[in-house]
């Protein structure tokens, strides 16, 4: 009796089942990759906000403690410094003219559009907002103001985020 040789290979049904399994696996994998692509924008928005917030904080900290402080900060202003009611720009000062840290307290509690030192909106920051709050700090914990330190807080609101990115620093009267 002659021995029949059996062909080795896949049947049509086996090929169709294999294609269906591979299609399902690729669909699941593509969902993982495409979802991560939409989240990859978030770090870029955070980095951009952090860079701007730090640049704004650097700009503020480069100013004098008070408008009565002499150039170089010595001697430190004492009784001639502004009181808490006078925090903010003096007269008609605009941001390019700010000369002390408390001039920046104009937007505390009311976010405004992000602007550079000249008042222009930087490219790519159209949906960002900022707030800057400057006030005398309470170091002693007894409710007594410390007229020798101002707390500066910068809030950068990023598009798509519910909480702002916050930067804080002290400017001392020395």
Protein backbone atom coordinates (compact mmCIF):
# COMPACT_ATOMS: atom_id res chain seq x y z
CA UNK A 1 0.00 0.00 0.00
CA UNK A 2 1.47 3.25 -1.02
CA UNK A 3 1.99 5.74 1.74
CA UNK A 4 0.42 9.13 1.11
CA UNK A 5 2.47 12.09 1.93
CA UNK A 6 0.69 14.66 4.03
CA UNK A 7 1.25 18.31 3.13
CA UNK A 8 2.47 20.48 5.93
CA UNK A 9 1.07 24.00 6.22
CA UNK A 10 -1.91 26.02 7.38
CA UNK A 11 -5.48 25.59 6.31
CA UNK A 12 -7.59 28.56 5.25
CA UNK A 13 -9.51 28.49 8.54
CA UNK A 14 -6.27 28.55 10.55
CA UNK A 15 -5.07 31.56 8.55
CA UNK A 16 -8.32 33.48 9.10
CA UNK A 17 -8.27 32.77 12.84
CA UNK A 18 -4.62 33.90 13.04
CA UNK A 19 -5.38 37.14 11.20
CA UNK A 20 -8.31 37.88 13.54
CA UNK A 21 -6.16 37.27 16.64
CA UNK A 22 -3.39 39.54 15.31
CA UNK A 23 -5.94 42.26 14.42
CA UNK A 24 -7.39 42.21 17.93
CA UNK A 25 -3.90 42.37 19.49
CA UNK A 26 -2.86 45.31 17.27
CA UNK A 27 -6.08 47.16 18.09
CA UNK A 28 -5.43 46.86 21.81
CA UNK A 29 -1.79 47.91 21.43
CA UNK A 30 -2.66 50.90 19.25
CA UNK A 31 -5.11 52.14 21.91
CA UNK A 32 -2.32 52.09 24.46
CA UNK A 33 0.03 54.06 22.20
CA UNK A 34 -2.53 56.62 21.03
CA UNK A 35 -3.76 57.35 24.56
CA UNK A 36 -0.22 57.99 25.73
CA UNK A 37 0.32 60.35 22.80
CA UNK A 38 -2.48 62.63 24.01
CA UNK A 39 -0.97 62.69 27.52
CA UNK A 40 2.48 63.51 26.22
CA UNK A 41 1.44 67.17 25.80
CA UNK A 42 0.94 67.62 29.55
CA UNK A 43 4.65 67.60 30.47
CA UNK A 44 5.33 70.17 27.76
CA UNK A 45 2.63 72.47 29.19
CA UNK A 46 4.07 72.01 32.68
CA UNK A 47 7.63 72.72 31.55
CA UNK A 48 6.53 75.85 29.69
CA UNK A 49 4.64 77.09 32.77
CA UNK A 50 7.59 76.32 35.05
CA UNK A 51 10.01 78.19 32.81
CA UNK A 52 7.76 81.24 32.63
CA UNK A 53 7.01 81.18 36.36
CA UNK A 54 10.70 81.01 37.24
CA UNK A 55 11.53 83.81 34.78
CA UNK A 56 8.81 86.00 36.29
CA UNK A 57 10.02 85.24 39.81
CA UNK A 58 13.60 86.11 38.78
CA UNK A 59 12.36 89.40 37.31
CA UNK A 60 10.53 90.28 40.54
CA UNK A 61 13.41 89.30 42.83
CA UNK A 62 15.79 91.48 40.82
CA UNK A 63 13.88 94.58 42.01
CA UNK A 64 14.41 96.54 45.22
CA UNK A 65 12.61 95.68 48.47
CA UNK A 66 10.67 98.96 48.45
CA UNK A 67 10.56 102.10 46.35
CA UNK A 68 12.20 103.95 49.27
CA UNK A 69 15.13 101.49 49.33
CA UNK A 70 18.28 103.12 47.92
CA UNK A 71 20.11 101.52 45.00
CA UNK A 72 22.12 98.56 46.26
CA UNK A 73 19.76 98.11 49.24
CA UNK A 74 22.03 99.76 51.84
CA UNK A 75 20.98 101.17 54.20
CA UNK A 76 17.80 99.17 54.47
CA UNK A 77 14.63 101.22 54.51
CA UNK A 78 13.03 101.26 57.92
CA UNK A 79 10.22 103.58 58.93
CA UNK A 80 10.12 105.10 55.45
CA UNK A 81 9.01 101.83 53.83
CA UNK A 82 5.49 101.60 52.56
CA UNK A 83 2.83 100.23 54.85
CA UNK A 84 0.66 97.31 53.79
CA UNK A 85 -2.06 99.54 52.38
CA UNK A 86 0.43 100.99 49.90
CA UNK A 87 1.51 97.75 48.27
CA UNK A 88 1.29 97.95 44.51
CA UNK A 89 2.55 100.27 41.80
CA UNK A 90 3.18 103.90 42.72
CA UNK A 91 1.12 106.32 40.65
CA UNK A 92 0.89 105.40 36.97
CA UNK A 93 3.71 102.86 36.91
CA UNK A 94 3.39 100.09 34.35
CA UNK A 95 5.30 96.84 34.35
CA UNK A 96 8.35 98.14 32.42
CA UNK A 97 8.63 100.86 35.11
CA UNK A 98 8.27 98.65 38.20
CA UNK A 99 11.17 99.33 40.56
CA UNK A 100 10.27 97.31 43.67
CA UNK A 101 8.79 93.89 44.41
CA UNK A 102 5.40 95.03 45.70
CA UNK A 103 4.63 96.80 42.40
CA UNK A 104 3.82 93.35 40.99
CA UNK A 105 0.87 92.75 43.33
CA UNK A 106 -1.60 94.13 40.75
CA UNK A 107 -3.19 90.82 39.77
CA UNK A 108 -3.54 89.08 43.15
CA UNK A 109 -6.86 87.23 43.16
CA UNK A 110 -7.69 88.14 39.57
CA UNK A 111 -5.77 86.15 36.93
CA UNK A 112 -4.56 88.12 33.94
CA UNK A 113 -3.06 87.03 30.63
CA UNK A 114 0.60 86.03 30.77
CA UNK A 115 2.83 88.88 29.60
CA UNK A 116 6.56 89.48 29.40
CA UNK A 117 8.44 92.36 31.05
CA UNK A 118 7.33 94.76 28.30
CA UNK A 119 3.66 93.83 28.58
CA UNK A 120 3.56 91.68 25.43
CA UNK A 121 2.02 88.22 25.34
CA UNK A 122 4.71 85.63 24.51
CA UNK A 123 4.06 83.30 21.60
CA UNK A 124 2.62 79.98 22.76
CA UNK A 125 1.14 81.37 26.01
CA UNK A 126 -2.24 82.44 24.64
CA UNK A 127 -4.27 80.32 27.09
CA UNK A 128 -2.04 80.78 30.15
CA UNK A 129 -2.89 83.20 32.95
CA UNK A 130 -0.88 84.51 35.88
CA UNK A 131 -1.37 86.07 39.29
CA UNK A 132 1.24 87.72 41.47
CA UNK A 133 0.65 88.37 45.18
CA UNK A 134 3.14 90.31 47.30
CA UNK A 135 2.56 91.09 50.97
CA UNK A 136 4.46 91.51 54.19
CA UNK A 137 5.10 88.20 55.87
CA UNK A 138 4.25 87.06 59.39
CA UNK A 139 7.44 85.39 60.64
CA UNK A 140 6.77 85.52 64.37
CA UNK A 141 3.49 83.57 64.25
CA UNK A 142 1.75 86.00 66.62
CA UNK A 143 -0.14 87.94 63.98
CA UNK A 144 2.38 90.77 63.97
CA UNK A 145 3.59 91.88 60.56
CA UNK A 146 7.24 91.55 59.78
CA UNK A 147 8.14 94.69 57.84
CA UNK A 148 11.53 93.23 56.91
CA UNK A 149 10.28 90.46 54.62
CA UNK A 150 7.86 90.35 51.72
CA UNK A 151 6.35 87.07 50.57
CA UNK A 152 6.10 86.85 46.78
CA UNK A 153 3.79 84.23 45.27
CA UNK A 154 3.47 83.67 41.53
CA UNK A 155 0.59 81.54 40.22
CA UNK A 156 0.71 80.26 36.64
CA UNK A 157 -2.54 78.74 35.36
CA UNK A 158 -1.98 76.22 32.56
CA UNK A 159 -4.56 75.27 29.92
CA UNK A 160 -6.35 72.05 30.82
CA UNK A 161 -5.22 72.02 34.49
CA UNK A 162 -7.46 72.89 37.43
CA UNK A 163 -4.78 73.95 39.89
CA UNK A 164 -2.10 76.57 39.20
CA UNK A 165 1.63 76.05 39.38
CA UNK A 166 2.82 78.07 42.41
CA UNK A 167 6.21 79.71 42.99
CA UNK A 168 7.04 81.38 46.31
CA UNK A 169 10.00 83.41 47.51
CA UNK A 170 10.90 85.98 50.15
CA UNK A 171 12.52 89.33 49.54
CA UNK A 172 14.32 90.58 52.60
CA UNK A 173 14.91 94.17 53.65
CA UNK A 174 18.66 94.21 54.11
